[in-house]
Amino acid sequence: MISADAQLHAIADPTRRAILAQLVDGPKPVGKIADHFPVSRPAISQHLKILKDARLVTDEAEGARRMYALDAAGFATLRAYLDQFSTQARKKTRNRA
């Protein structure tokens, strides 16, 4: 299981968050993702590796290229981590009211 620290580190970078936003509409190859950034394709590939290691994206071979997509299971783990804070904040708010 991936740690929340690794996932939070992965999304701390604005380029990686922008890559995730690119994938909201569905899977894309690295070339299509890289077209939206002023950095090299190898740099985008490095960002994708960090996101993949954090279980926030998956990749799958499709012919000669790799398609990247959001990893729903990884986001569920991240959401569960963040939900604990949200739940506690709501409890505290209700107790004050």
Foldseek 3Di string as FASTA:
>chain_A
DADLVLVCVLVVDPLLVVLQVVQPVHKDFLVVSCVVDPDDSVVSVVSVVSCVVLQQWDWDDDDPTIIIHGRPVSVVVNVVVVVVVVVVVVVVVVVVD
